[in-house]
Amino acid sequence: MDLQLTGKRAIVTAASGGLGYASALELAREGAAVAICSRDAERAQGAAARITQQTGSAAYGFAADVADAASLEAFFAQAVAALGGLDILICNAGGPPAGGFLALEDDTWEAAFQLTLMSVVRSVRLALPHFTAAGGGRVLAITSSSVKRPIENLTLSNALRPAVQGLCKSLSIELAAQNVQVNGLAPGRVLTERIDALDAALAQRRGSSLEAVRRESESQIPMGRLGEPAEFGRVAAFLCSPAAAYINGSTLLVDGGAVTSL
């Protein structure tokens, strides 16, 4: 399916690996030029080089900490200069630390707030002038299935990911007249380094094996398996494309049916 993204220009934050990388890769497969960032410049540049090698599309990698306002602003300036404009923004960030409520101090809450919510606030703010110049744009925020169902030992994610969803819903109403569509994409258990780390920590807490934790996880997913990053990335590319022209203010779960609420 041709998603008609050839010539589009996209920024994907925190995309040297995991779901951010998968999203950037699929955009590039569809012909978009992409700019990505990571806190590690070498990782960002290496990921961008792999994207270009695999797709033939232009890809640029820069160092940036999405939780830091000045760093994020500098990244957007570099990215837009390299791309020549901006049509698509995918907001991604590393997951906030695991932990129960009583284990979390104020400074941990503040850091998670900056990483999870304020990175989206600032990214959209930085993108809007360029969307105006382009005649419109797409915003996609990568959140988590925790926006629908709290996840054990992920108090920060359970609290802050729904805040991102609420922001996206508000923006979808406020920005629609400017031809800017805003949606969320909520992954369930997709095979990434984050999931590997969370499963390893859970196995350690339980005195169990990683394999046992993974089997239990798979048993709770109707499709009986974890997702592949490419499966998530293809949905992200679709939501950023003209094929999704009438989807606005929605949050789509990519979780194999794990969240069973209506």
C-alpha atoms as a PDB file:
ATOM      1  CA  MET A   1       0.000   0.000   0.000  1.00  0.00           C
ATOM      2  CA  ASP A   2       1.389   3.384  -1.010  1.00  0.00           C
ATOM      3  CA  LEU A   3       0.829   5.701   1.944  1.00  0.00           C
ATOM      4  CA  GLN A   4       1.698   8.780  -0.147  1.00  0.00           C
ATOM      5  CA  LEU A   5       4.459   9.914   2.178  1.00  0.00           C
ATOM      6  CA  THR A   6       7.087  10.484  -0.509  1.00  0.00           C
ATOM      7  CA  GLY A   7       8.564  13.933  -0.016  1.00  0.00           C
ATOM      8  CA  LYS A   8       7.153  14.370   3.490  1.00  0.00           C
ATOM      9  CA  ARG A   9       9.502  15.515   6.246  1.00  0.00           C
ATOM     10  CA  ALA A  10       9.334  13.934   9.687  1.00  0.00           C
ATOM     11  CA  ILE A  11      10.884  14.333  13.109  1.00  0.00           C
ATOM     12  CA  VAL A  12      10.842  11.310  15.401  1.00  0.00           C
ATOM     13  CA  THR A  13      12.215  11.887  18.889  1.00  0.00           C
ATOM     14  CA  ALA A  14      14.119   9.276  20.893  1.00  0.00           C
ATOM     15  CA  ALA A  15      14.436   7.043  17.849  1.00  0.00           C
ATOM     16  CA  SER A  16      17.836   5.369  17.899  1.00  0.00           C
ATOM     17  CA  GLY A  17      16.115   2.114  18.867  1.00  0.00           C
ATOM     18  CA  GLY A  18      12.853   0.533  19.923  1.00  0.00           C
ATOM     19  CA  LEU A  19       9.495   1.887  18.843  1.00  0.00           C
ATOM     20  CA  GLY A  20      10.847   5.278  17.823  1.00  0.00           C
ATOM     21  CA  TYR A  21      13.312   3.666  15.443  1.00  0.00           C
ATOM     22  CA  ALA A  22      10.656   1.313  14.086  1.00  0.00           C
ATOM     23  CA  SER A  23       8.382   4.277  13.382  1.00  0.00           C
ATOM     24  CA  ALA A  24      11.105   6.296  11.675  1.00  0.00           C
ATOM     25  CA  LEU A  25      12.123   3.281   9.592  1.00  0.00           C
ATOM     26  CA  GLU A  26       8.589   2.709   8.307  1.00  0.00           C
ATOM     27  CA  LEU A  27       8.138   6.396   7.468  1.00  0.00           C
ATOM     28  CA  ALA A  28      11.363   6.214   5.480  1.00  0.00           C
ATOM     29  CA  ARG A  29      10.223   3.030   3.725  1.00  0.00           C
ATOM     30  CA  GLU A  30       7.218   5.026   2.540  1.00  0.00           C
ATOM     31  CA  GLY A  31       9.448   7.761   1.132  1.00  0.00           C
ATOM     32  CA  ALA A  32       9.589  10.316   3.939  1.00  0.00           C
ATOM     33  CA  ALA A  33      12.810  12.022   4.975  1.00  0.00           C
ATOM     34  CA  VAL A  34      13.343  11.633   8.712  1.00  0.00           C
ATOM     35  CA  ALA A  35      15.330  13.325  11.459  1.00  0.00           C
ATOM     36  CA  ILE A  36      15.811  11.417  14.689  1.00  0.00           C
ATOM     37  CA  CYS A  37      17.487  12.049  18.005  1.00  0.00           C
ATOM     38  CA  SER A  38      19.046  10.190  20.891  1.00  0.00           C
ATOM     39  CA  ARG A  39      21.009  11.336  23.917  1.00  0.00           C
ATOM     40  CA  ASP A  40      23.975   9.537  22.330  1.00  0.00           C
ATOM     41  CA  ALA A  41      25.076  11.226  19.083  1.00  0.00           C
ATOM     42  CA  GLU A  42      26.843   8.114  17.816  1.00  0.00           C
ATOM     43  CA  ARG A  43      23.731   5.981  18.303  1.00  0.00           C
ATOM     44  CA  ALA A  44      21.532   8.552  16.584  1.00  0.00           C
ATOM     45  CA  GLN A  45      23.846   8.866  13.604  1.00  0.00           C
ATOM     46  CA  GLY A  46      24.244   5.100  13.350  1.00  0.00           C
ATOM     47  CA  ALA A  47      20.494   4.584  13.392  1.00  0.00           C
ATOM     48  CA  ALA A  48      20.013   7.247  10.729  1.00  0.00           C
ATOM     49  CA  ALA A  49      22.647   5.595   8.550  1.00  0.00           C
ATOM     50  CA  ARG A  50      20.870   2.234   8.861  1.00  0.00           C
ATOM     51  CA  ILE A  51      17.559   3.816   7.902  1.00  0.00           C
ATOM     52  CA  THR A  52      19.054   5.324   4.765  1.00  0.00           C
ATOM     53  CA  GLN A  53      20.825   2.069   3.907  1.00  0.00           C
ATOM     54  CA  GLN A  54      17.621   0.040   4.240  1.00  0.00           C
ATOM     55  CA  THR A  55      15.212   2.471   2.583  1.00  0.00           C
ATOM     56  CA  GLY A  56      17.116   4.866   0.352  1.00  0.00           C
ATOM     57  CA  SER A  57      15.395   7.797   2.060  1.00  0.00           C
ATOM     58  CA  ALA A  58      17.288  10.662   3.662  1.00  0.00           C
ATOM     59  CA  ALA A  59      17.745  10.270   7.413  1.00  0.00           C
ATOM     60  CA  TYR A  60      19.561  12.525   9.864  1.00  0.00           C
ATOM     61  CA  GLY A  61      20.646  11.742  13.419  1.00  0.00           C
ATOM     62  CA  PHE A  62      21.317  14.281  16.157  1.00  0.00           C
ATOM     63  CA  ALA A  63      22.113  14.256  19.860  1.00  0.00           C
ATOM     64  CA  ALA A  64      19.318  15.556  22.083  1.00  0.00           C
ATOM     65  CA  ASP A  65      17.802  14.985  25.493  1.00  0.00           C
ATOM     66  CA  VAL A  66      14.042  15.338  25.036  1.00  0.00           C
ATOM     67  CA  ALA A  67      13.620  16.072  28.753  1.00  0.00           C
ATOM     68  CA  ASP A  68      15.791  19.190  28.444  1.00  0.00           C
ATOM     69  CA  ALA A  69      14.145  22.244  26.883  1.00  0.00           C
ATOM     70  CA  ALA A  70      17.314  23.795  25.446  1.00  0.00           C
ATOM     71  CA  SER A  71      18.533  20.501  24.019  1.00  0.00           C
ATOM     72  CA  LEU A  72      15.177  19.823  22.383  1.00  0.00           C
ATOM     73  CA  GLU A  73      15.021  23.302  20.875  1.00  0.00           C
ATOM     74  CA  ALA A  74      18.513  22.919  19.399  1.00  0.00           C
ATOM     75  CA  PHE A  75      17.551  19.546  17.923  1.00  0.00           C
ATOM     76  CA  PHE A  76      14.463  20.955  16.219  1.00  0.00           C
ATOM     77  CA  ALA A  77      16.507  23.768  14.689  1.00  0.00           C
ATOM     78  CA  GLN A  78      19.049  21.283  13.315  1.00  0.00           C
ATOM     79  CA  ALA A  79      16.410  18.823  12.156  1.00  0.00           C
ATOM     80  CA  VAL A  80      14.228  21.340  10.332  1.00  0.00           C
ATOM     81  CA  ALA A  81      17.288  22.854   8.665  1.00  0.00           C
ATOM     82  CA  ALA A  82      18.357  19.410   7.436  1.00  0.00           C
ATOM     83  CA  LEU A  83      14.860  18.422   6.300  1.00  0.00           C
ATOM     84  CA  GLY A  84      13.970  21.756   4.741  1.00  0.00           C
ATOM     85  CA  GLY A  85      10.684  21.957   6.642  1.00  0.00           C
ATOM     86  CA  LEU A  86       8.376  19.753   8.673  1.00  0.00           C
ATOM     87  CA  ASP A  87       5.168  17.823   7.990  1.00  0.00           C
ATOM     88  CA  ILE A  88       5.141  15.068  10.628  1.00  0.00           C
ATOM     89  CA  LEU A  89       6.076  14.899  14.300  1.00  0.00           C
ATOM     90  CA  ILE A  90       6.227  11.639  16.228  1.00  0.00           C
ATOM     91  CA  CYS A  91       6.784  12.243  19.929  1.00  0.00           C
ATOM     92  CA  ASN A  92       8.570   9.396  21.655  1.00  0.00           C
ATOM     93  CA  ALA A  93      10.582   9.185  24.851  1.00  0.00           C
ATOM     94  CA  GLY A  94      12.127   6.484  26.947  1.00  0.00           C
ATOM     95  CA  GLY A  95       9.810   5.034  29.545  1.00  0.00           C
ATOM     96  CA  PRO A  96       9.938   6.549  33.037  1.00  0.00           C
ATOM     97  CA  PRO A  97      11.501   4.403  35.766  1.00  0.00           C
ATOM     98  CA  ALA A  98       9.606   1.483  37.216  1.00  0.00           C
ATOM     99  CA  GLY A  99       8.549   1.541  40.846  1.00  0.00           C
ATOM    100  CA  GLY A 100       5.635   1.563  43.227  1.00  0.00           C
ATOM    101  CA  PHE A 101       4.221   4.757  44.706  1.00  0.00           C
ATOM    102  CA  LEU A 102       6.083   4.654  48.027  1.00  0.00           C
ATOM    103  CA  ALA A 103       9.437   4.163  46.301  1.00  0.00           C
ATOM    104  CA  LEU A 104       9.185   7.355  44.253  1.00  0.00           C
ATOM    105  CA  GLU A 105      10.605  10.647  45.537  1.00  0.00           C
ATOM    106  CA  ASP A 106       9.667  14.110  44.289  1.00  0.00           C
ATOM    107  CA  ASP A 107      12.758  14.456  42.107  1.00  0.00           C
ATOM    108  CA  THR A 108      11.891  11.193  40.340  1.00  0.00           C
ATOM    109  CA  TRP A 109       8.360  12.449  39.696  1.00  0.00           C
ATOM    110  CA  GLU A 110       9.715  15.731  38.338  1.00  0.00           C
ATOM    111  CA  ALA A 111      12.183  14.001  36.016  1.00  0.00           C
ATOM    112  CA  ALA A 112       9.432  11.722  34.705  1.00  0.00           C
ATOM    113  CA  PHE A 113       7.141  14.718  34.193  1.00  0.00           C
ATOM    114  CA  GLN A 114       9.786  16.453  32.078  1.00  0.00           C
ATOM    115  CA  LEU A 115      10.532  13.283  30.102  1.00  0.00           C
ATOM    116  CA  THR A 116       7.029  11.996  29.503  1.00  0.00           C
ATOM    117  CA  LEU A 117       4.732  15.025  29.318  1.00  0.00           C
ATOM    118  CA  MET A 118       6.790  18.176  28.855  1.00  0.00           C
ATOM    119  CA  SER A 119       8.794  16.638  26.014  1.00  0.00           C
ATOM    120  CA  VAL A 120       5.518  16.380  24.068  1.00  0.00           C
ATOM    121  CA  VAL A 121       4.370  19.871  25.069  1.00  0.00           C
ATOM    122  CA  ARG A 122       7.641  21.407  23.910  1.00  0.00           C
ATOM    123  CA  SER A 123       7.929  19.321  20.754  1.00  0.00           C
ATOM    124  CA  VAL A 124       4.471  20.322  19.552  1.00  0.00           C
ATOM    125  CA  ARG A 125       5.178  23.952  20.392  1.00  0.00           C
ATOM    126  CA  LEU A 126       8.395  23.825  18.358  1.00  0.00           C
ATOM    127  CA  ALA A 127       6.717  22.063  15.434  1.00  0.00           C
ATOM    128  CA  LEU A 128       3.695  24.323  15.030  1.00  0.00           C
ATOM    129  CA  PRO A 129       5.363  27.235  13.186  1.00  0.00           C
ATOM    130  CA  HIS A 130       6.713  24.783  10.627  1.00  0.00           C
ATOM    131  CA  PHE A 131       3.328  23.108  10.234  1.00  0.00           C
ATOM    132  CA  THR A 132       1.838  26.529   9.580  1.00  0.00           C
ATOM    133  CA  ALA A 133       4.423  27.154   6.875  1.00  0.00           C
ATOM    134  CA  ALA A 134       3.643  23.756   5.334  1.00  0.00           C
ATOM    135  CA  GLY A 135      -0.118  24.266   5.432  1.00  0.00           C
ATOM    136  CA  GLY A 136      -0.707  21.616   8.087  1.00  0.00           C
ATOM    137  CA  GLY A 137       0.864  18.653   9.808  1.00  0.00           C
ATOM    138  CA  ARG A 138       0.512  15.453  11.782  1.00  0.00           C
ATOM    139  CA  VAL A 139       1.366  14.825  15.423  1.00  0.00           C
ATOM    140  CA  LEU A 140       1.553  11.303  16.794  1.00  0.00           C
ATOM    141  CA  ALA A 141       2.389  10.699  20.458  1.00  0.00           C
ATOM    142  CA  ILE A 142       3.677   7.269  21.419  1.00  0.00           C
ATOM    143  CA  THR A 143       2.275   6.445  24.845  1.00  0.00           C
ATOM    144  CA  SER A 144       1.504   3.050  26.389  1.00  0.00           C
ATOM    145  CA  SER A 145      -1.354   0.681  27.021  1.00  0.00           C
ATOM    146  CA  SER A 146      -1.188   2.128  30.545  1.00  0.00           C
ATOM    147  CA  VAL A 147      -3.444   4.913  29.225  1.00  0.00           C
ATOM    148  CA  LYS A 148      -6.214   2.296  29.332  1.00  0.00           C
ATOM    149  CA  ARG A 149      -5.099  -0.127  32.036  1.00  0.00           C
ATOM    150  CA  PRO A 150      -2.533   0.482  34.814  1.00  0.00           C
ATOM    151  CA  ILE A 151       0.525  -1.745  34.695  1.00  0.00           C
ATOM    152  CA  GLU A 152       1.995  -3.324  37.814  1.00  0.00           C
ATOM    153  CA  ASN A 153       4.971  -1.407  39.269  1.00  0.00           C
ATOM    154  CA  LEU A 154       4.807   1.338  36.616  1.00  0.00           C
ATOM    155  CA  THR A 155       3.235   4.091  38.724  1.00  0.00           C
ATOM    156  CA  LEU A 156       4.916   6.921  36.820  1.00  0.00           C
ATOM    157  CA  SER A 157       3.794   5.624  33.444  1.00  0.00           C
ATOM    158  CA  ASN A 158       0.293   4.948  34.763  1.00  0.00           C
ATOM    159  CA  ALA A 159       0.004   8.561  35.917  1.00  0.00           C
ATOM    160  CA  LEU A 160       1.789  10.468  33.161  1.00  0.00           C
ATOM    161  CA  ARG A 161       0.931   8.589  29.957  1.00  0.00           C
ATOM    162  CA  PRO A 162      -2.789   9.391  30.397  1.00  0.00           C
ATOM    163  CA  ALA A 163      -1.765  13.036  30.777  1.00  0.00           C
ATOM    164  CA  VAL A 164      -0.191  12.853  27.321  1.00  0.00           C
ATOM    165  CA  GLN A 165      -3.386  11.296  25.988  1.00  0.00           C
ATOM    166  CA  GLY A 166      -5.416  14.139  27.483  1.00  0.00           C
ATOM    167  CA  LEU A 167      -3.075  16.691  25.932  1.00  0.00           C
ATOM    168  CA  CYS A 168      -3.414  15.047  22.522  1.00  0.00           C
ATOM    169  CA  LYS A 169      -7.197  15.092  22.743  1.00  0.00           C
ATOM    170  CA  SER A 170      -7.167  18.782  23.635  1.00  0.00           C
ATOM    171  CA  LEU A 171      -4.732  19.600  20.837  1.00  0.00           C
ATOM    172  CA  SER A 172      -6.771  17.639  18.304  1.00  0.00           C
ATOM    173  CA  ILE A 173      -9.674  20.008  18.935  1.00  0.00           C
ATOM    174  CA  GLU A 174      -7.644  23.193  19.174  1.00  0.00           C
ATOM    175  CA  LEU A 175      -5.437  22.603  16.129  1.00  0.00           C
ATOM    176  CA  ALA A 176      -7.874  20.986  13.693  1.00  0.00           C
ATOM    177  CA  ALA A 177      -8.739  24.329  12.094  1.00  0.00           C
ATOM    178  CA  GLN A 178      -5.025  24.719  11.268  1.00  0.00           C
ATOM    179  CA  ASN A 179      -5.059  21.376   9.416  1.00  0.00           C
ATOM    180  CA  VAL A 180      -3.031  19.731  12.175  1.00  0.00           C
ATOM    181  CA  GLN A 181      -4.204  16.271  13.238  1.00  0.00           C
ATOM    182  CA  VAL A 182      -3.146  14.871  16.601  1.00  0.00           C
ATOM    183  CA  ASN A 183      -3.393  11.231  17.618  1.00  0.00           C
ATOM    184  CA  GLY A 184      -1.886   8.806  20.099  1.00  0.00           C
ATOM    185  CA  LEU A 185      -0.472   5.346  19.586  1.00  0.00           C
ATOM    186  CA  ALA A 186      -0.444   3.095  22.638  1.00  0.00           C
ATOM    187  CA  PRO A 187       1.776   0.013  22.473  1.00  0.00           C
ATOM    188  CA  GLY A 188       1.220  -3.032  24.582  1.00  0.00           C
ATOM    189  CA  ARG A 189       3.984  -5.558  24.949  1.00  0.00           C
ATOM    190  CA  VAL A 190       6.223  -5.171  21.923  1.00  0.00           C
ATOM    191  CA  LEU A 191       9.684  -6.743  21.772  1.00  0.00           C
ATOM    192  CA  THR A 192      12.014  -3.891  22.732  1.00  0.00           C
ATOM    193  CA  GLU A 193      14.896  -3.341  25.150  1.00  0.00           C
ATOM    194  CA  ARG A 194      12.423  -1.642  27.521  1.00  0.00           C
ATOM    195  CA  ILE A 195      10.232  -4.752  27.710  1.00  0.00           C
ATOM    196  CA  ASP A 196      13.283  -6.974  28.160  1.00  0.00           C
ATOM    197  CA  ALA A 197      14.453  -4.813  31.075  1.00  0.00           C
ATOM    198  CA  LEU A 198      11.023  -4.712  32.723  1.00  0.00           C
ATOM    199  CA  ASP A 199      10.621  -8.478  32.419  1.00  0.00           C
ATOM    200  CA  ALA A 200      14.090  -9.080  33.839  1.00  0.00           C
ATOM    201  CA  ALA A 201      13.315  -6.825  36.813  1.00  0.00           C
ATOM    202  CA  LEU A 202      10.007  -8.600  37.412  1.00  0.00           C
ATOM    203  CA  ALA A 203      11.704 -11.986  37.287  1.00  0.00           C
ATOM    204  CA  GLN A 204      14.241 -10.803  39.852  1.00  0.00           C
ATOM    205  CA  ARG A 205      11.538  -9.467  42.195  1.00  0.00           C
ATOM    206  CA  ARG A 206       9.647 -12.747  42.000  1.00  0.00           C
ATOM    207  CA  GLY A 207      12.689 -14.982  42.185  1.00  0.00           C
ATOM    208  CA  SER A 208      11.596 -16.446  38.870  1.00  0.00           C
ATOM    209  CA  SER A 209      13.121 -16.829  35.426  1.00  0.00           C
ATOM    210  CA  LEU A 210      12.825 -14.444  32.502  1.00  0.00           C
ATOM    211  CA  GLU A 211      11.330 -17.271  30.450  1.00  0.00           C
ATOM    212  CA  ALA A 212       8.582 -17.856  33.033  1.00  0.00           C
ATOM    213  CA  VAL A 213       7.712 -14.162  33.128  1.00  0.00           C
ATOM    214  CA  ARG A 214       7.576 -14.038  29.341  1.00  0.00           C
ATOM    215  CA  ARG A 215       5.328 -17.106  29.140  1.00  0.00           C
ATOM    216  CA  GLU A 216       2.945 -15.572  31.667  1.00  0.00           C
ATOM    217  CA  SER A 217       2.895 -12.339  29.680  1.00  0.00           C
ATOM    218  CA  GLU A 218       2.142 -14.143  26.430  1.00  0.00           C
ATOM    219  CA  SER A 219      -0.690 -16.067  28.094  1.00  0.00           C
ATOM    220  CA  GLN A 220      -2.423 -12.756  28.877  1.00  0.00           C
ATOM    221  CA  ILE A 221      -2.400 -11.614  25.246  1.00  0.00           C
ATOM    222  CA  PRO A 222      -5.227 -13.056  23.114  1.00  0.00           C
ATOM    223  CA  MET A 223      -2.876 -13.367  20.137  1.00  0.00           C
ATOM    224  CA  GLY A 224      -0.510 -15.416  22.303  1.00  0.00           C
ATOM    225  CA  ARG A 225       2.674 -13.511  21.539  1.00  0.00           C
ATOM    226  CA  LEU A 226       4.465 -10.198  21.933  1.00  0.00           C
ATOM    227  CA  GLY A 227       4.408  -7.728  19.081  1.00  0.00           C
ATOM    228  CA  GLU A 228       7.230  -6.971  16.676  1.00  0.00           C
ATOM    229  CA  PRO A 229       8.532  -3.385  16.408  1.00  0.00           C
ATOM    230  CA  ALA A 230       7.839  -3.352  12.658  1.00  0.00           C
ATOM    231  CA  GLU A 231       4.177  -4.129  13.323  1.00  0.00           C
ATOM    232  CA  PHE A 232       3.983  -1.053  15.511  1.00  0.00           C
ATOM    233  CA  GLY A 233       5.971   1.080  13.068  1.00  0.00           C
ATOM    234  CA  ARG A 234       3.619   0.335  10.195  1.00  0.00           C
ATOM    235  CA  VAL A 235       0.653   1.579  12.225  1.00  0.00           C
ATOM    236  CA  ALA A 236       2.577   4.744  13.090  1.00  0.00           C
ATOM    237  CA  ALA A 237       3.320   5.409   9.419  1.00  0.00           C
ATOM    238  CA  PHE A 238      -0.328   4.862   8.504  1.00  0.00           C
ATOM    239  CA  LEU A 239      -1.548   7.358  11.105  1.00  0.00           C
ATOM    240  CA  CYS A 240       0.859   9.966   9.723  1.00  0.00           C
ATOM    241  CA  SER A 241      -0.312   9.449   6.145  1.00  0.00           C
ATOM    242  CA  PRO A 242      -3.128  10.774   3.931  1.00  0.00           C
ATOM    243  CA  ALA A 243      -4.739   7.338   4.297  1.00  0.00           C
ATOM    244  CA  ALA A 244      -5.631   8.406   7.857  1.00  0.00           C
ATOM    245  CA  ALA A 245      -6.972  11.794   6.774  1.00  0.00           C
ATOM    246  CA  TYR A 246     -10.121  11.614   8.920  1.00  0.00           C
ATOM    247  CA  ILE A 247      -8.554  10.197  12.085  1.00  0.00           C
ATOM    248  CA  ASN A 248      -8.086  12.919  14.689  1.00  0.00           C
ATOM    249  CA  GLY A 249      -8.078  12.883  18.472  1.00  0.00           C
ATOM    250  CA  SER A 250      -7.867   9.099  18.664  1.00  0.00           C
ATOM    251  CA  THR A 251      -5.611   6.778  20.607  1.00  0.00           C
ATOM    252  CA  LEU A 252      -5.044   3.436  18.925  1.00  0.00           C
ATOM    253  CA  LEU A 253      -3.918   0.414  20.908  1.00  0.00           C
ATOM    254  CA  VAL A 254      -1.335  -1.893  19.337  1.00  0.00           C
ATOM    255  CA  ASP A 255      -1.387  -4.629  21.940  1.00  0.00           C
ATOM    256  CA  GLY A 256      -2.608  -7.869  20.405  1.00  0.00           C
ATOM    257  CA  GLY A 257      -5.919  -7.464  22.207  1.00  0.00           C
ATOM    258  CA  ALA A 258      -4.422  -7.452  25.721  1.00  0.00           C
ATOM    259  CA  VAL A 259      -6.548  -4.540  26.943  1.00  0.00           C
ATOM    260  CA  THR A 260     -10.031  -6.007  27.016  1.00  0.00           C
ATOM    261  CA  SER A 261     -12.033  -2.933  28.045  1.00  0.00           C
ATOM    262  CA  LEU A 262     -14.374  -1.337  25.504  1.00  0.00           C
END
